[in-house]
Protein backbone atom coordinates (compact mmCIF):
# COMPACT_ATOMS: atom_id res chain seq x y z
CA MET A 1 -6.85 8.39 23.42
CA PRO A 2 -6.04 5.37 25.70
CA ALA A 3 -5.59 6.26 29.35
CA ASP A 4 -1.97 5.10 29.49
CA TYR A 5 -0.94 7.37 26.59
CA PRO A 6 0.65 10.81 27.08
CA PRO A 7 -1.54 13.90 26.48
CA TRP A 8 -3.07 13.92 22.99
CA ASP A 9 -1.15 16.99 21.83
CA ARG A 10 2.18 15.29 22.57
CA VAL A 11 1.08 12.13 20.74
CA CYS A 12 -0.05 14.16 17.72
CA ALA A 13 3.19 16.14 17.70
CA SER A 14 5.23 12.91 17.70
CA PHE A 15 3.05 11.47 14.93
CA ARG A 16 3.54 14.56 12.75
CA ARG A 17 7.29 14.61 13.36
CA TRP A 18 7.67 10.93 12.47
CA ARG A 19 5.43 11.40 9.44
CA ASP A 20 7.23 14.45 8.08
CA HIS A 21 10.70 12.90 8.51
CA GLY A 22 9.73 9.57 6.95
CA LEU A 23 10.60 7.60 10.08
CA VAL A 24 7.50 5.39 10.01
CA LYS A 25 8.17 4.34 6.42
CA GLU A 26 11.83 3.69 7.16
CA LEU A 27 10.94 1.46 10.10
CA HIS A 28 8.38 -0.39 7.98
CA ASP A 29 10.80 -0.92 5.07
CA ARG A 30 13.54 -2.30 7.31
CA LEU A 31 11.13 -4.78 8.86
CA CYS A 32 9.94 -5.85 5.40
CA ALA A 33 13.52 -6.57 4.35
CA LYS A 34 14.01 -8.65 7.51
CA ALA A 35 10.75 -10.53 6.85
CA ARG A 36 11.88 -11.41 3.31
CA GLN A 37 15.28 -12.62 4.50
CA MET A 38 13.55 -14.69 7.19
CA VAL A 39 11.98 -16.90 4.50
CA GLY A 40 15.14 -17.13 2.42
CA ARG A 41 14.45 -14.34 -0.08
CA ASP A 42 16.62 -11.38 -1.04
CA ALA A 43 15.96 -8.23 0.96
CA GLU A 44 15.03 -6.40 -2.25
CA PRO A 45 12.05 -7.72 -4.25
CA GLY A 46 12.12 -8.34 -7.98
CA ALA A 47 8.38 -8.41 -8.68
CA GLY A 48 5.20 -6.90 -7.31
CA VAL A 49 1.49 -6.25 -7.79
CA ILE A 50 -0.28 -2.88 -8.04
CA GLU A 51 -3.92 -2.35 -7.11
CA SER A 52 -6.23 0.26 -5.58
CA GLN A 53 -8.96 0.31 -2.94
CA SER A 54 -11.64 2.97 -2.52
CA VAL A 55 -12.91 3.72 0.99
CA LYS A 56 -15.33 6.20 2.45
CA ALA A 57 -13.77 9.27 4.04
CA ASP A 58 -14.79 10.95 7.26
CA ALA A 59 -16.09 14.51 7.18
CA VAL A 60 -12.76 15.79 8.54
CA GLY A 61 -11.16 15.12 5.17
CA GLY A 62 -11.03 18.22 3.01
CA SER A 63 -13.01 18.44 -0.23
CA ASP A 64 -9.74 18.92 -2.14
CA SER A 65 -8.60 15.39 -1.23
CA ARG A 66 -11.82 13.44 -1.62
CA GLY A 67 -14.00 12.46 -4.54
CA PHE A 68 -16.56 9.96 -5.80
CA ASP A 69 -15.55 6.62 -7.30
CA GLY A 70 -18.38 5.73 -9.67
CA GLY A 71 -17.19 2.16 -10.08
CA LYS A 72 -17.14 1.35 -6.35
CA LEU A 73 -19.86 3.90 -5.44
CA ALA A 74 -17.60 5.29 -2.71
CA ASN A 75 -17.39 8.93 -1.72
CA GLY A 76 -13.97 9.38 -0.17
CA ARG A 77 -10.40 8.41 -0.97
CA LYS A 78 -8.51 5.76 -2.90
CA ARG A 79 -5.52 3.78 -1.64
CA HIS A 80 -3.08 2.84 -4.39
CA VAL A 81 -0.64 0.17 -3.23
CA VAL A 82 2.25 -1.87 -4.62
CA VAL A 83 3.05 -5.10 -2.79
CA ASP A 84 5.76 -7.67 -3.39
CA THR A 85 4.96 -11.31 -4.13
CA LEU A 86 5.18 -12.26 -0.44
CA GLY A 87 2.64 -9.61 0.57
CA PRO A 88 4.69 -6.82 2.24
CA LEU A 89 3.94 -3.27 1.16
CA LEU A 90 6.39 -1.61 -1.24
CA GLY A 91 4.61 1.72 -1.63
CA VAL A 92 1.29 3.45 -1.00
CA MET A 93 -0.31 6.67 -2.22
CA VAL A 94 -3.67 8.01 -1.03
CA THR A 95 -5.67 10.21 -3.41
CA ALA A 96 -9.20 11.38 -3.92
CA ALA A 97 -11.43 8.46 -4.92
CA ASP A 98 -12.09 9.91 -8.38
CA THR A 99 -8.38 9.78 -9.31
CA GLY A 100 -7.74 7.36 -12.17
CA ASP A 101 -5.62 4.29 -11.53
CA ARG A 102 -3.27 5.07 -14.42
CA THR A 103 -2.71 8.64 -13.20
CA ALA A 104 -1.80 7.56 -9.68
CA ALA A 105 0.20 4.53 -10.83
CA ARG A 106 2.50 6.70 -12.94
CA VAL A 107 3.58 8.58 -9.81
CA LEU A 108 3.54 5.65 -7.38
CA LEU A 109 5.50 3.28 -9.62
CA GLY A 110 8.10 5.99 -10.12
CA GLN A 111 8.54 6.29 -6.36
CA VAL A 112 8.69 2.54 -5.85
CA ALA A 113 11.18 2.04 -8.69
CA ASP A 114 13.48 4.71 -7.21
CA GLU A 115 13.48 2.97 -3.82
CA HIS A 116 13.63 -0.67 -5.00
CA HIS A 117 16.21 -0.92 -7.77
CA HIS A 118 15.83 -4.69 -8.22
CA LEU A 119 12.14 -4.40 -9.06
CA ALA A 120 11.72 -5.48 -12.69
CA LEU A 121 8.14 -6.76 -13.03
CA VAL A 122 4.78 -5.50 -11.73
CA TRP A 123 1.46 -7.18 -12.40
CA ALA A 124 -1.56 -4.92 -12.91
CA ASP A 125 -5.21 -5.29 -13.89
CA GLY A 126 -6.99 -3.86 -16.92
CA GLY A 127 -7.36 -0.45 -15.29
CA HIS A 128 -3.66 0.19 -15.86
CA THR A 129 -3.51 -0.35 -19.61
CA GLY A 130 -2.64 2.21 -22.27
CA SER A 131 0.37 4.48 -22.35
CA LEU A 132 1.30 3.56 -18.77
CA VAL A 133 2.79 0.27 -19.99
CA GLU A 134 5.12 2.05 -22.42
CA HIS A 135 5.97 4.72 -19.83
CA CYS A 136 7.06 2.13 -17.25
CA LEU A 137 9.30 0.35 -19.73
CA ALA A 138 10.88 3.49 -21.19
CA ALA A 139 11.21 5.68 -18.10
CA LEU A 140 11.46 3.16 -15.25
CA SER A 141 12.90 0.03 -16.94
CA LEU A 142 9.94 -1.76 -15.44
CA VAL A 143 7.74 -4.35 -17.14
CA LEU A 144 4.07 -3.71 -16.36
CA ALA A 145 2.28 -6.99 -17.10
CA ILE A 146 -1.49 -6.65 -17.52
CA VAL A 147 -3.39 -9.62 -16.12
CA LYS A 148 -6.64 -10.18 -18.02
CA ARG A 149 -9.56 -12.40 -17.19
CA SER A 150 -10.08 -15.35 -19.53
CA ASP A 151 -13.37 -17.08 -20.32
CA ASP A 152 -12.34 -20.30 -18.55
CA MET A 153 -11.15 -18.56 -15.37
CA ARG A 154 -12.99 -19.62 -12.22
CA GLY A 155 -13.69 -17.31 -9.28
CA PHE A 156 -13.50 -13.52 -9.12
CA VAL A 157 -9.85 -13.14 -8.06
CA LEU A 158 -7.30 -12.88 -10.88
CA PRO A 159 -3.99 -14.76 -10.68
CA LYS A 160 -1.59 -13.07 -8.22
CA TRP A 161 -4.47 -10.95 -6.90
CA TRP A 162 -4.93 -12.90 -3.70
CA ILE A 163 -1.63 -11.33 -2.58
CA VAL A 164 -2.92 -7.77 -2.68
CA GLU A 165 -6.44 -8.72 -1.57
CA ARG A 166 -4.90 -10.26 1.53
CA LEU A 167 -3.23 -6.92 2.28
CA PHE A 168 -6.53 -5.08 1.92
CA ALA A 169 -8.15 -7.61 4.25
CA HIS A 170 -5.48 -6.89 6.84
CA LEU A 171 -6.07 -3.15 6.53
CA MET A 172 -9.79 -3.68 7.10
CA ARG A 173 -9.00 -5.45 10.37
CA THR A 174 -7.30 -2.24 11.54
CA ARG A 175 -10.20 -0.26 12.98
CA CYS A 176 -8.88 3.19 12.08
CA LEU A 177 -8.56 2.13 8.43
CA VAL A 178 -12.10 0.89 7.87
CA ARG A 179 -12.78 4.49 6.85
CA ASP A 180 -10.34 7.29 6.10
CA PHE A 181 -10.40 9.45 9.23
CA GLN A 182 -7.32 11.56 8.44
CA ARG A 183 -7.36 15.21 7.45
CA ARG A 184 -4.26 14.87 5.23
CA THR A 185 -3.54 12.15 2.69
CA THR A 186 0.05 11.89 3.97
CA SER A 187 -1.31 11.04 7.43
CA ALA A 188 -3.51 8.38 5.84
CA GLU A 189 -0.47 6.86 4.13
CA VAL A 190 1.49 6.77 7.39
CA THR A 191 -1.43 5.06 9.14
CA ILE A 192 -1.30 2.31 6.51
CA TYR A 193 2.44 1.92 7.07
CA TRP A 194 1.82 1.64 10.82
CA SER A 195 -0.73 -1.11 10.26
CA MET A 196 1.68 -3.07 8.05
CA THR A 197 4.50 -2.48 10.55
CA LEU A 198 2.44 -4.29 13.19
CA LEU A 199 1.99 -7.20 10.77
CA MET A 200 5.72 -7.38 10.02
CA THR A 201 6.67 -7.32 13.71
CA ARG A 202 4.28 -10.21 14.39
CA ARG A 203 5.80 -12.24 11.55
CA LEU A 204 9.31 -11.64 12.83
CA ALA A 205 8.35 -12.38 16.44
CA HIS A 206 6.73 -15.70 15.49
CA SER A 207 9.87 -16.71 13.58
CA ARG A 208 12.07 -16.60 16.69
CA PRO A 209 13.00 -20.07 17.96
CA HIS A 210 11.36 -21.10 21.22
CA LEU A 211 13.68 -21.61 24.15
CA ALA A 212 13.82 -25.15 25.53
């Protein structure tokens, strides 16, 4: 704990209180709306991208919330995120790393659709195919567009995927998010919101006109 912080137990108590009452997410969402309006967009997004990232988890994480992702060879947790087309975070859910993308996306997209009523289109990769596409259209009135790699495509990043990869790159620059150090997945989600809140505040601060 930095020397100029209050005692650790007070800091932890404030963190838990803000986490349990959704205050961190509310602050983040308001800043995201301001950031969109700053560049001339509507406060509510109409499209987004869903993706996941597997990271190693610290030993403090319980065995009930961690697993092994055979594709990424990571023993830990998986961060499922939905971002809008400008990059801000619309929703995040942290699960054990062995949780399937379709399973988590069904829950996460439901949460995001409830909070962002203008959202009509979400791009996803091949890991989100199957019945999830029909579920999103029937239950959420949401078009889930699967982006597939073509034979003539150059590079490893699919169209639209630089948006979400940029978010993951930002998270990796936040030292406490290089690994998952949290005991609870809800605490891990709040830590991600805090990281993105710092990014949104910097964007808004840089947009202020300089005084002559």
